[in-house]
Structures are given as C-alpha cells and as structure tokens.
C-alpha cells in the first residue's frame, strides 16, 4: 500500500457517498460529461454511468498502478505522485460533473 492511498481511498468513499446523496436530486436521465471551449456540453452519459463510471475509472487507475508496480517495477517511477495527482484530478472532475448535473436538472 502506498502512502498516497491515504488520499485515494477517502476520495473514492467521498465520490460514492456523493452518488448516494445526490442521485435523487438529478432529475434527468442523462448528464453532461464533457464541455467544449464554448461552455456547452459535447457529450452525455446516462446518469448511472456518469456517476458510478467516475468511481469505476478511479478504481481502474489504481488497479493499473498496482499491476504496473508488481509486474514491471523497473518501469514505474513516481507512483505516489501519480496516484495523488490522479486522485485530485478525478475527484475535482467528478465534483464539477456532479455540480453541473444537479444544477441542470
């Protein structure tokens, strides 16, 4: 277990708790997942996929870092920093998506 897991796992728990709390506040069946430079959504996903997909993506990133650390440790550099950055970026992106989904419904 990396020290960065002390940040990663609380981020995953926070995202899951937000899913459970805010899913009833999202009235639409699709939520925006990406925005263009003009500020308009460029593509949408179903509410369930948009919300739980971000949690799944975070877990896949962590699994990838773990597998790489086990099977090709000579090629892994900065796993701690990478996991910290990924945790922050994924959680911040998720909060933005959730905020837009709640405001848009």
PDB file of N, CA and C in Angstrom:
ATOM      1  N   UNK A   1       0.840  -1.175   0.000  1.00  0.00           N
ATOM      2  CA  UNK A   1       0.000   0.000   0.000  1.00  0.00           C
ATOM      3  C   UNK A   1       0.886   1.239   0.000  1.00  0.00           C
ATOM      4  N   UNK A   2       0.549   2.157  -0.855  1.00  0.00           N
ATOM      5  CA  UNK A   2       1.295   3.398  -0.946  1.00  0.00           C
ATOM      6  C   UNK A   2       0.748   4.420   0.051  1.00  0.00           C
ATOM      7  N   UNK A   3       1.579   5.381   0.432  1.00  0.00           N
ATOM      8  CA  UNK A   3       1.102   6.456   1.300  1.00  0.00           C
ATOM      9  C   UNK A   3       0.015   7.267   0.616  1.00  0.00           C
ATOM     10  N   UNK A   4       0.058   7.343  -0.706  1.00  0.00           N
ATOM     11  CA  UNK A   4      -0.950   8.088  -1.457  1.00  0.00           C
ATOM     12  C   UNK A   4      -2.328   7.447  -1.343  1.00  0.00           C
ATOM     13  N   UNK A   5      -2.378   6.177  -0.940  1.00  0.00           N
ATOM     14  CA  UNK A   5      -3.675   5.519  -0.723  1.00  0.00           C
ATOM     15  C   UNK A   5      -4.445   6.181   0.411  1.00  0.00           C
ATOM     16  N   UNK A   6      -3.741   6.869   1.308  1.00  0.00           N
ATOM     17  CA  UNK A   6      -4.412   7.587   2.388  1.00  0.00           C
ATOM     18  C   UNK A   6      -5.218   8.775   1.856  1.00  0.00           C
ATOM     19  N   UNK A   7      -4.944   9.185   0.639  1.00  0.00           N
ATOM     20  CA  UNK A   7      -5.733  10.219  -0.034  1.00  0.00           C
ATOM     21  C   UNK A   7      -6.709   9.567  -1.014  1.00  0.00           C
ATOM     22  N   UNK A   8      -6.238   8.549  -1.726  1.00  0.00           N
ATOM     23  CA  UNK A   8      -7.052   7.923  -2.769  1.00  0.00           C
ATOM     24  C   UNK A   8      -8.336   7.306  -2.223  1.00  0.00           C
ATOM     25  N   UNK A   9      -8.241   6.466  -1.209  1.00  0.00           N
ATOM     26  CA  UNK A   9      -9.433   5.758  -0.723  1.00  0.00           C
ATOM     27  C   UNK A   9     -10.479   6.688  -0.118  1.00  0.00           C
ATOM     28  N   UNK A  10     -10.098   7.721   0.644  1.00  0.00           N
ATOM     29  CA  UNK A  10     -11.127   8.676   1.073  1.00  0.00           C
ATOM     30  C   UNK A  10     -11.792   9.401  -0.105  1.00  0.00           C
ATOM     31  N   UNK A  11     -11.037   9.651  -1.175  1.00  0.00           N
ATOM     32  CA  UNK A  11     -11.638  10.266  -2.366  1.00  0.00           C
ATOM     33  C   UNK A  11     -12.678   9.343  -2.985  1.00  0.00           C
ATOM     34  N   UNK A  12     -12.379   8.051  -3.049  1.00  0.00           N
ATOM     35  CA  UNK A  12     -13.337   7.083  -3.597  1.00  0.00           C
ATOM     36  C   UNK A  12     -14.576   7.006  -2.712  1.00  0.00           C
ATOM     37  N   UNK A  13     -14.389   6.988  -1.408  1.00  0.00           N
ATOM     38  CA  UNK A  13     -15.522   6.949  -0.483  1.00  0.00           C
ATOM     39  C   UNK A  13     -16.353   8.227  -0.607  1.00  0.00           C
ATOM     40  N   UNK A  14     -15.696   9.375  -0.748  1.00  0.00           N
ATOM     41  CA  UNK A  14     -16.401  10.634  -0.934  1.00  0.00           C
ATOM     42  C   UNK A  14     -17.240  10.608  -2.212  1.00  0.00           C
ATOM     43  N   UNK A  15     -16.670  10.117  -3.302  1.00  0.00           N
ATOM     44  CA  UNK A  15     -17.418  10.052  -4.562  1.00  0.00           C
ATOM     45  C   UNK A  15     -18.618   9.118  -4.445  1.00  0.00           C
ATOM     46  N   UNK A  16     -18.445   7.970  -3.805  1.00  0.00           N
ATOM     47  CA  UNK A  16     -19.563   7.037  -3.633  1.00  0.00           C
ATOM     48  C   UNK A  16     -20.644   7.640  -2.738  1.00  0.00           C
ATOM     49  N   UNK A  17     -20.246   8.318  -1.675  1.00  0.00           N
ATOM     50  CA  UNK A  17     -21.229   8.950  -0.784  1.00  0.00           C
ATOM     51  C   UNK A  17     -21.990  10.055  -1.516  1.00  0.00           C
ATOM     52  N   UNK A  18     -21.288  10.826  -2.344  1.00  0.00           N
ATOM     53  CA  UNK A  18     -21.960  11.865  -3.133  1.00  0.00           C
ATOM     54  C   UNK A  18     -22.944  11.253  -4.126  1.00  0.00           C
ATOM     55  N   UNK A  19     -22.584  10.117  -4.710  1.00  0.00           N
ATOM     56  CA  UNK A  19     -23.516   9.429  -5.612  1.00  0.00           C
ATOM     57  C   UNK A  19     -24.804   9.080  -4.891  1.00  0.00           C
ATOM     58  N   UNK A  20     -24.678   8.517  -3.723  1.00  0.00           N
ATOM     59  CA  UNK A  20     -25.856   8.107  -2.963  1.00  0.00           C
ATOM     60  C   UNK A  20     -26.683   9.302  -2.513  1.00  0.00           C
ATOM     61  N   UNK A  21     -26.013  10.377  -2.166  1.00  0.00           N
ATOM     62  CA  UNK A  21     -26.717  11.563  -1.678  1.00  0.00           C
ATOM     63  C   UNK A  21     -27.396  12.350  -2.793  1.00  0.00           C
ATOM     64  N   UNK A  22     -26.717  12.533  -3.906  1.00  0.00           N
ATOM     65  CA  UNK A  22     -27.212  13.427  -4.949  1.00  0.00           C
ATOM     66  C   UNK A  22     -27.994  12.741  -6.058  1.00  0.00           C
ATOM     67  N   UNK A  23     -28.038  11.423  -6.103  1.00  0.00           N
ATOM     68  CA  UNK A  23     -28.721  10.773  -7.228  1.00  0.00           C
ATOM     69  C   UNK A  23     -30.201  11.127  -7.285  1.00  0.00           C
ATOM     70  N   UNK A  24     -30.827  11.377  -6.147  1.00  0.00           N
ATOM     71  CA  UNK A  24     -32.243  11.747  -6.162  1.00  0.00           C
ATOM     72  C   UNK A  24     -32.447  13.199  -6.599  1.00  0.00           C
ATOM     73  N   UNK A  25     -31.417  14.017  -6.540  1.00  0.00           N
ATOM     74  CA  UNK A  25     -31.525  15.418  -6.940  1.00  0.00           C
ATOM     75  C   UNK A  25     -31.313  15.620  -8.438  1.00  0.00           C
ATOM     76  N   UNK A  26     -30.806  14.605  -9.104  1.00  0.00           N
ATOM     77  CA  UNK A  26     -30.598  14.692 -10.550  1.00  0.00           C
ATOM     78  C   UNK A  26     -31.855  14.160 -11.213  1.00  0.00           C
ATOM     79  N   UNK A  27     -32.587  15.040 -11.851  1.00  0.00           N
ATOM     80  CA  UNK A  27     -33.898  14.690 -12.409  1.00  0.00           C
ATOM     81  C   UNK A  27     -33.815  14.147 -13.836  1.00  0.00           C
ATOM     82  N   UNK A  28     -32.738  14.416 -14.546  1.00  0.00           N
ATOM     83  CA  UNK A  28     -32.627  13.973 -15.926  1.00  0.00           C
ATOM     84  C   UNK A  28     -32.031  12.573 -15.997  1.00  0.00           C
ATOM     85  N   UNK A  29     -32.298  11.896 -17.103  1.00  0.00           N
ATOM     86  CA  UNK A  29     -31.748  10.545 -17.252  1.00  0.00           C
ATOM     87  C   UNK A  29     -30.362  10.564 -17.884  1.00  0.00           C
ATOM     88  N   UNK A  30     -29.906  11.717 -18.384  1.00  0.00           N
ATOM     89  CA  UNK A  30     -28.579  11.851 -18.967  1.00  0.00           C
ATOM     90  C   UNK A  30     -27.899  13.085 -18.362  1.00  0.00           C
ATOM     91  N   UNK A  31     -26.586  12.962 -18.142  1.00  0.00           N
ATOM     92  CA  UNK A  31     -25.837  14.099 -17.607  1.00  0.00           C
ATOM     93  C   UNK A  31     -24.652  14.395 -18.523  1.00  0.00           C
ATOM     94  N   UNK A  32     -24.276  15.664 -18.576  1.00  0.00           N
ATOM     95  CA  UNK A  32     -23.145  16.087 -19.399  1.00  0.00           C
ATOM     96  C   UNK A  32     -21.850  15.568 -18.789  1.00  0.00           C
ATOM     97  N   UNK A  33     -20.963  15.071 -19.635  1.00  0.00           N
ATOM     98  CA  UNK A  33     -19.702  14.519 -19.156  1.00  0.00           C
ATOM     99  C   UNK A  33     -18.483  15.319 -19.618  1.00  0.00           C
ATOM    100  N   UNK A  34     -18.649  16.111 -20.678  1.00  0.00           N
ATOM    101  CA  UNK A  34     -17.527  16.883 -21.193  1.00  0.00           C
ATOM    102  C   UNK A  34     -18.072  18.164 -21.797  1.00  0.00           C
ATOM    103  N   UNK A  35     -17.311  19.240 -21.663  1.00  0.00           N
ATOM    104  CA  UNK A  35     -17.726  20.542 -22.163  1.00  0.00           C
ATOM    105  C   UNK A  35     -16.709  21.039 -23.163  1.00  0.00           C
ATOM    106  N   UNK A  36     -17.207  21.743 -24.186  1.00  0.00           N
ATOM    107  CA  UNK A  36     -16.340  22.346 -25.189  1.00  0.00           C
ATOM    108  C   UNK A  36     -15.821  23.691 -24.712  1.00  0.00           C
ATOM    109  N   UNK A  37     -15.020  24.308 -25.543  1.00  0.00           N
ATOM    110  CA  UNK A  37     -14.461  25.620 -25.196  1.00  0.00           C
ATOM    111  C   UNK A  37     -15.539  26.693 -25.116  1.00  0.00           C
ATOM    112  N   UNK A  38     -16.673  26.460 -25.769  1.00  0.00           N
ATOM    113  CA  UNK A  38     -17.772  27.418 -25.720  1.00  0.00           C
ATOM    114  C   UNK A  38     -18.635  27.267 -24.473  1.00  0.00           C
ATOM    115  N   UNK A  39     -18.332  26.287 -23.616  1.00  0.00           N
ATOM    116  CA  UNK A  39     -19.077  26.081 -22.379  1.00  0.00           C
ATOM    117  C   UNK A  39     -20.295  25.195 -22.525  1.00  0.00           C
ATOM    118  N   UNK A  40     -20.501  24.645 -23.700  1.00  0.00           N
ATOM    119  CA  UNK A  40     -21.640  23.750 -23.924  1.00  0.00           C
ATOM    120  C   UNK A  40     -21.183  22.294 -23.822  1.00  0.00           C
ATOM    121  N   UNK A  41     -22.060  21.425 -23.323  1.00  0.00           N
ATOM    122  CA  UNK A  41     -21.699  20.007 -23.242  1.00  0.00           C
ATOM    123  C   UNK A  41     -21.466  19.419 -24.632  1.00  0.00           C
ATOM    124  N   UNK A  42     -20.437  18.592 -24.740  1.00  0.00           N
ATOM    125  CA  UNK A  42     -20.143  17.953 -26.020  1.00  0.00           C
ATOM    126  C   UNK A  42     -20.658  16.524 -26.079  1.00  0.00           C
ATOM    127  N   UNK A  43     -20.793  15.868 -24.934  1.00  0.00           N
ATOM    128  CA  UNK A  43     -21.403  14.539 -24.923  1.00  0.00           C
ATOM    129  C   UNK A  43     -22.000  14.243 -23.560  1.00  0.00           C
ATOM    130  N   UNK A  44     -22.951  13.331 -23.567  1.00  0.00           N
ATOM    131  CA  UNK A  44     -23.719  12.971 -22.373  1.00  0.00           C
ATOM    132  C   UNK A  44     -23.588  11.475 -22.106  1.00  0.00           C
ATOM    133  N   UNK A  45     -23.821  11.097 -20.870  1.00  0.00           N
ATOM    134  CA  UNK A  45     -23.884   9.688 -20.479  1.00  0.00           C
ATOM    135  C   UNK A  45     -25.135   9.506 -19.630  1.00  0.00           C
ATOM    136  N   UNK A  46     -25.566   8.276 -19.494  1.00  0.00           N
ATOM    137  CA  UNK A  46     -26.700   8.025 -18.606  1.00  0.00           C
ATOM    138  C   UNK A  46     -26.296   8.431 -17.190  1.00  0.00           C
ATOM    139  N   UNK A  47     -27.274   8.768 -16.386  1.00  0.00           N
ATOM    140  CA  UNK A  47     -26.967   9.238 -15.026  1.00  0.00           C
ATOM    141  C   UNK A  47     -26.167   8.206 -14.244  1.00  0.00           C
ATOM    142  N   UNK A  48     -26.589   6.955 -14.314  1.00  0.00           N
ATOM    143  CA  UNK A  48     -25.894   5.910 -13.557  1.00  0.00           C
ATOM    144  C   UNK A  48     -24.450   5.751 -14.048  1.00  0.00           C
ATOM    145  N   UNK A  49     -24.273   5.735 -15.361  1.00  0.00           N
ATOM    146  CA  UNK A  49     -22.928   5.574 -15.906  1.00  0.00           C
ATOM    147  C   UNK A  49     -22.066   6.798 -15.605  1.00  0.00           C
ATOM    148  N   UNK A  50     -22.642   7.970 -15.696  1.00  0.00           N
ATOM    149  CA  UNK A  50     -21.894   9.186 -15.417  1.00  0.00           C
ATOM    150  C   UNK A  50     -21.431   9.273 -13.981  1.00  0.00           C
ATOM    151  N   UNK A  51     -22.289   8.857 -13.067  1.00  0.00           N
ATOM    152  CA  UNK A  51     -21.934   8.942 -11.651  1.00  0.00           C
ATOM    153  C   UNK A  51     -21.016   7.800 -11.228  1.00  0.00           C
ATOM    154  N   UNK A  52     -21.440   6.569 -11.438  1.00  0.00           N
ATOM    155  CA  UNK A  52     -20.652   5.427 -10.983  1.00  0.00           C
ATOM    156  C   UNK A  52     -19.469   5.133 -11.883  1.00  0.00           C
ATOM    157  N   UNK A  53     -19.523   5.622 -13.130  1.00  0.00           N
ATOM    158  CA  UNK A  53     -18.394   5.433 -14.035  1.00  0.00           C
ATOM    159  C   UNK A  53     -17.138   6.135 -13.557  1.00  0.00           C
ATOM    160  N   UNK A  54     -17.313   7.275 -12.924  1.00  0.00           N
ATOM    161  CA  UNK A  54     -16.154   8.005 -12.389  1.00  0.00           C
ATOM    162  C   UNK A  54     -15.501   7.234 -11.234  1.00  0.00           C
ATOM    163  N   UNK A  55     -16.324   6.616 -10.409  1.00  0.00           N
ATOM    164  CA  UNK A  55     -15.777   5.792  -9.317  1.00  0.00           C
ATOM    165  C   UNK A  55     -15.037   4.599  -9.913  1.00  0.00           C
ATOM    166  N   UNK A  56     -15.658   3.975 -10.899  1.00  0.00           N
ATOM    167  CA  UNK A  56     -15.017   2.841 -11.573  1.00  0.00           C
ATOM    168  C   UNK A  56     -13.716   3.241 -12.243  1.00  0.00           C
ATOM    169  N   UNK A  57     -13.701   4.405 -12.879  1.00  0.00           N
ATOM    170  CA  UNK A  57     -12.483   4.885 -13.522  1.00  0.00           C
ATOM    171  C   UNK A  57     -11.363   5.073 -12.498  1.00  0.00           C
ATOM    172  N   UNK A  58     -11.685   5.643 -11.350  1.00  0.00           N
ATOM    173  CA  UNK A  58     -10.680   5.834 -10.296  1.00  0.00           C
ATOM    174  C   UNK A  58     -10.121   4.487  -9.846  1.00  0.00           C
ATOM    175  N   UNK A  59     -10.993   3.498  -9.695  1.00  0.00           N
ATOM    176  CA  UNK A  59     -10.538   2.173  -9.266  1.00  0.00           C
ATOM    177  C   UNK A  59      -9.683   1.497 -10.337  1.00  0.00           C
ATOM    178  N   UNK A  60     -10.007   1.703 -11.598  1.00  0.00           N
ATOM    179  CA  UNK A  60      -9.201   1.133 -12.686  1.00  0.00           C
ATOM    180  C   UNK A  60      -7.820   1.775 -12.723  1.00  0.00           C
ATOM    181  N   UNK A  61      -7.753   3.085 -12.497  1.00  0.00           N
ATOM    182  CA  UNK A  61      -6.451   3.765 -12.447  1.00  0.00           C
ATOM    183  C   UNK A  61      -5.609   3.191 -11.320  1.00  0.00           C
ATOM    184  N   UNK A  62      -6.230   2.991 -10.153  1.00  0.00           N
ATOM    185  CA  UNK A  62      -5.487   2.423  -9.012  1.00  0.00           C
ATOM    186  C   UNK A  62      -5.035   1.008  -9.306  1.00  0.00           C
ATOM    187  N   UNK A  63      -5.898   0.212  -9.934  1.00  0.00           N
ATOM    188  CA  UNK A  63      -5.533  -1.158 -10.299  1.00  0.00           C
ATOM    189  C   UNK A  63      -4.369  -1.157 -11.276  1.00  0.00           C
ATOM    190  N   UNK A  64      -4.397  -0.265 -12.255  1.00  0.00           N
ATOM    191  CA  UNK A  64      -3.304  -0.170 -13.218  1.00  0.00           C
ATOM    192  C   UNK A  64      -1.985   0.159 -12.537  1.00  0.00           C
ATOM    193  N   UNK A  65      -2.005   1.104 -11.604  1.00  0.00           N
ATOM    194  CA  UNK A  65      -0.780   1.463 -10.885  1.00  0.00           C
ATOM    195  C   UNK A  65      -0.280   0.280 -10.062  1.00  0.00           C
ATOM    196  N   UNK A  66      -1.186  -0.445  -9.424  1.00  0.00           N
ATOM    197  CA  UNK A  66      -0.791  -1.605  -8.628  1.00  0.00           C
ATOM    198  C   UNK A  66      -0.192  -2.695  -9.516  1.00  0.00           C
ATOM    199  N   UNK A  67      -0.848  -3.007 -10.625  1.00  0.00           N
ATOM    200  CA  UNK A  67      -0.358  -4.058 -11.528  1.00  0.00           C
ATOM    201  C   UNK A  67       1.011  -3.673 -12.080  1.00  0.00           C
ATOM    202  N   UNK A  68       1.159  -2.422 -12.498  1.00  0.00           N
ATOM    203  CA  UNK A  68       2.449  -1.988 -13.024  1.00  0.00           C
ATOM    204  C   UNK A  68       3.534  -2.065 -11.954  1.00  0.00           C
ATOM    205  N   UNK A  69       3.211  -1.719 -10.722  1.00  0.00           N
ATOM    206  CA  UNK A  69       4.192  -1.771  -9.630  1.00  0.00           C
ATOM    207  C   UNK A  69       4.617  -3.197  -9.312  1.00  0.00           C
ATOM    208  N   UNK A  70       3.712  -4.143  -9.489  1.00  0.00           N
ATOM    209  CA  UNK A  70       4.025  -5.549  -9.200  1.00  0.00           C
ATOM    210  C   UNK A  70       4.791  -6.207 -10.335  1.00  0.00           C
ATOM    211  N   UNK A  71       4.317  -6.022 -11.571  1.00  0.00           N
ATOM    212  CA  UNK A  71       4.851  -6.787 -12.690  1.00  0.00           C
ATOM    213  C   UNK A  71       5.975  -6.107 -13.453  1.00  0.00           C
ATOM    214  N   UNK A  72       6.048  -4.810 -13.456  1.00  0.00           N
ATOM    215  CA  UNK A  72       7.145  -4.102 -14.121  1.00  0.00           C
ATOM    216  C   UNK A  72       7.644  -2.953 -13.238  1.00  0.00           C
ATOM    217  N   UNK A  73       8.135  -3.281 -12.047  1.00  0.00           N
ATOM    218  CA  UNK A  73       8.521  -2.221 -11.106  1.00  0.00           C
ATOM    219  C   UNK A  73       9.655  -1.332 -11.621  1.00  0.00           C
ATOM    220  N   UNK A  74      10.495  -1.853 -12.494  1.00  0.00           N
ATOM    221  CA  UNK A  74      11.589  -1.043 -13.017  1.00  0.00           C
ATOM    222  C   UNK A  74      11.082   0.088 -13.911  1.00  0.00           C
ATOM    223  N   UNK A  75       9.908  -0.069 -14.461  1.00  0.00           N
ATOM    224  CA  UNK A  75       9.340   0.946 -15.356  1.00  0.00           C
ATOM    225  C   UNK A  75       8.438   1.940 -14.626  1.00  0.00           C
ATOM    226  N   UNK A  76       8.161   1.700 -13.350  1.00  0.00           N
ATOM    227  CA  UNK A  76       7.263   2.569 -12.595  1.00  0.00           C
ATOM    228  C   UNK A  76       8.092   3.585 -11.819  1.00  0.00           C
ATOM    229  N   UNK A  77       7.839   4.851 -12.129  1.00  0.00           N
ATOM    230  CA  UNK A  77       8.534   5.945 -11.450  1.00  0.00           C
ATOM    231  C   UNK A  77       7.482   6.939 -11.002  1.00  0.00           C
ATOM    232  N   UNK A  78       7.516   7.301  -9.749  1.00  0.00           N
ATOM    233  CA  UNK A  78       6.589   8.314  -9.245  1.00  0.00           C
ATOM    234  C   UNK A  78       5.172   7.806  -9.054  1.00  0.00           C
ATOM    235  N   UNK A  79       5.020   6.578  -8.603  1.00  0.00           N
ATOM    236  CA  UNK A  79       3.680   6.030  -8.382  1.00  0.00           C
ATOM    237  C   UNK A  79       2.931   6.826  -7.315  1.00  0.00           C
ATOM    238  N   UNK A  80       3.630   7.253  -6.286  1.00  0.00           N
ATOM    239  CA  UNK A  80       2.994   8.044  -5.223  1.00  0.00           C
ATOM    240  C   UNK A  80       2.433   9.349  -5.792  1.00  0.00           C
ATOM    241  N   UNK A  81       3.278  10.077  -6.503  1.00  0.00           N
ATOM    242  CA  UNK A  81       2.851  11.354  -7.072  1.00  0.00           C
ATOM    243  C   UNK A  81       1.745  11.142  -8.096  1.00  0.00           C
ATOM    244  N   UNK A  82       1.874  10.115  -8.906  1.00  0.00           N
ATOM    245  CA  UNK A  82       0.851   9.829  -9.910  1.00  0.00           C
ATOM    246  C   UNK A  82      -0.496   9.530  -9.288  1.00  0.00           C
ATOM    247  N   UNK A  83      -0.496   8.747  -8.219  1.00  0.00           N
ATOM    248  CA  UNK A  83      -1.749   8.416  -7.552  1.00  0.00           C
ATOM    249  C   UNK A  83      -2.351   9.640  -6.863  1.00  0.00           C
ATOM    250  N   UNK A  84      -1.520  10.470  -6.264  1.00  0.00           N
ATOM    251  CA  UNK A  84      -2.015  11.706  -5.648  1.00  0.00           C
ATOM    252  C   UNK A  84      -2.634  12.635  -6.683  1.00  0.00           C
ATOM    253  N   UNK A  85      -1.941  12.812  -7.793  1.00  0.00           N
ATOM    254  CA  UNK A  85      -2.457  13.688  -8.849  1.00  0.00           C
ATOM    255  C   UNK A  85      -3.741  13.118  -9.434  1.00  0.00           C
ATOM    256  N   UNK A  86      -3.751  11.811  -9.705  1.00  0.00           N
ATOM    257  CA  UNK A  86      -4.953  11.180 -10.256  1.00  0.00           C
ATOM    258  C   UNK A  86      -6.124  11.317  -9.289  1.00  0.00           C
ATOM    259  N   UNK A  87      -5.883  11.127  -8.012  1.00  0.00           N
ATOM    260  CA  UNK A  87      -6.949  11.265  -7.013  1.00  0.00           C
ATOM    261  C   UNK A  87      -7.538  12.663  -7.038  1.00  0.00           C
ATOM    262  N   UNK A  88      -6.680  13.660  -7.068  1.00  0.00           N
ATOM    263  CA  UNK A  88      -7.146  15.039  -7.082  1.00  0.00           C
ATOM    264  C   UNK A  88      -7.895  15.401  -8.353  1.00  0.00           C
ATOM    265  N   UNK A  89      -7.359  15.011  -9.495  1.00  0.00           N
ATOM    266  CA  UNK A  89      -7.981  15.358 -10.779  1.00  0.00           C
ATOM    267  C   UNK A  89      -9.316  14.643 -10.955  1.00  0.00           C
ATOM    268  N   UNK A  90      -9.357  13.359 -10.643  1.00  0.00           N
ATOM    269  CA  UNK A  90     -10.597  12.600 -10.804  1.00  0.00           C
ATOM    270  C   UNK A  90     -11.679  13.133  -9.864  1.00  0.00           C
ATOM    271  N   UNK A  91     -11.316  13.407  -8.613  1.00  0.00           N
ATOM    272  CA  UNK A  91     -12.296  13.913  -7.656  1.00  0.00           C
ATOM    273  C   UNK A  91     -12.778  15.313  -8.044  1.00  0.00           C
ATOM    274  N   UNK A  92     -11.871  16.172  -8.459  1.00  0.00           N
ATOM    275  CA  UNK A  92     -12.277  17.517  -8.877  1.00  0.00           C
ATOM    276  C   UNK A  92     -13.176  17.462 -10.108  1.00  0.00           C
ATOM    277  N   UNK A  93     -12.841  16.610 -11.064  1.00  0.00           N
ATOM    278  CA  UNK A  93     -13.685  16.448 -12.255  1.00  0.00           C
ATOM    279  C   UNK A  93     -15.056  15.928 -11.868  1.00  0.00           C
ATOM    280  N   UNK A  94     -15.071  14.984 -10.958  1.00  0.00           N
ATOM    281  CA  UNK A  94     -16.335  14.402 -10.511  1.00  0.00           C
ATOM    282  C   UNK A  94     -17.210  15.451  -9.831  1.00  0.00           C
ATOM    283  N   UNK A  95     -16.614  16.276  -8.978  1.00  0.00           N
ATOM    284  CA  UNK A  95     -17.374  17.328  -8.287  1.00  0.00           C
ATOM    285  C   UNK A  95     -17.953  18.309  -9.305  1.00  0.00           C
ATOM    286  N   UNK A  96     -17.183  18.668 -10.320  1.00  0.00           N
ATOM    287  CA  UNK A  96     -17.676  19.569 -11.355  1.00  0.00           C
ATOM    288  C   UNK A  96     -18.856  18.935 -12.109  1.00  0.00           C
ATOM    289  N   UNK A  97     -18.718  17.680 -12.506  1.00  0.00           N
ATOM    290  CA  UNK A  97     -19.788  16.977 -13.219  1.00  0.00           C
ATOM    291  C   UNK A  97     -21.030  16.895 -12.350  1.00  0.00           C
ATOM    292  N   UNK A  98     -20.853  16.568 -11.098  1.00  0.00           N
ATOM    293  CA  UNK A  98     -21.997  16.440 -10.184  1.00  0.00           C
ATOM    294  C   UNK A  98     -22.677  17.787  -9.981  1.00  0.00           C
ATOM    295  N   UNK A  99     -21.896  18.835  -9.804  1.00  0.00           N
ATOM    296  CA  UNK A  99     -22.464  20.171  -9.639  1.00  0.00           C
ATOM    297  C   UNK A  99     -23.280  20.589 -10.855  1.00  0.00           C
ATOM    298  N   UNK A 100     -22.748  20.352 -12.029  1.00  0.00           N
ATOM    299  CA  UNK A 100     -23.463  20.691 -13.258  1.00  0.00           C
ATOM    300  C   UNK A 100     -24.713  19.838 -13.422  1.00  0.00           C
ATOM    301  N   UNK A 101     -24.651  18.572 -13.039  1.00  0.00           N
ATOM    302  CA  UNK A 101     -25.805  17.682 -13.166  1.00  0.00           C
ATOM    303  C   UNK A 101     -26.933  18.114 -12.234  1.00  0.00           C
ATOM    304  N   UNK A 102     -26.596  18.505 -11.015  1.00  0.00           N
ATOM    305  CA  UNK A 102     -27.619  18.939 -10.054  1.00  0.00           C
ATOM    306  C   UNK A 102     -28.209  20.272 -10.491  1.00  0.00           C
ATOM    307  N   UNK A 103     -27.397  21.202 -10.964  1.00  0.00           N
ATOM    308  CA  UNK A 103     -27.896  22.494 -11.414  1.00  0.00           C
ATOM    309  C   UNK A 103     -28.708  22.372 -12.690  1.00  0.00           C
ATOM    310  N   UNK A 104     -28.335  21.436 -13.547  1.00  0.00           N
ATOM    311  CA  UNK A 104     -29.018  21.288 -14.825  1.00  0.00           C
ATOM    312  C   UNK A 104     -30.348  20.585 -14.745  1.00  0.00           C
ATOM    313  N   UNK A 105     -30.641  19.924 -13.626  1.00  0.00           N
ATOM    314  CA  UNK A 105     -31.921  19.205 -13.545  1.00  0.00           C
ATOM    315  C   UNK A 105     -32.991  20.010 -12.867  1.00  0.00           C
TER     316      UNK A 105
END
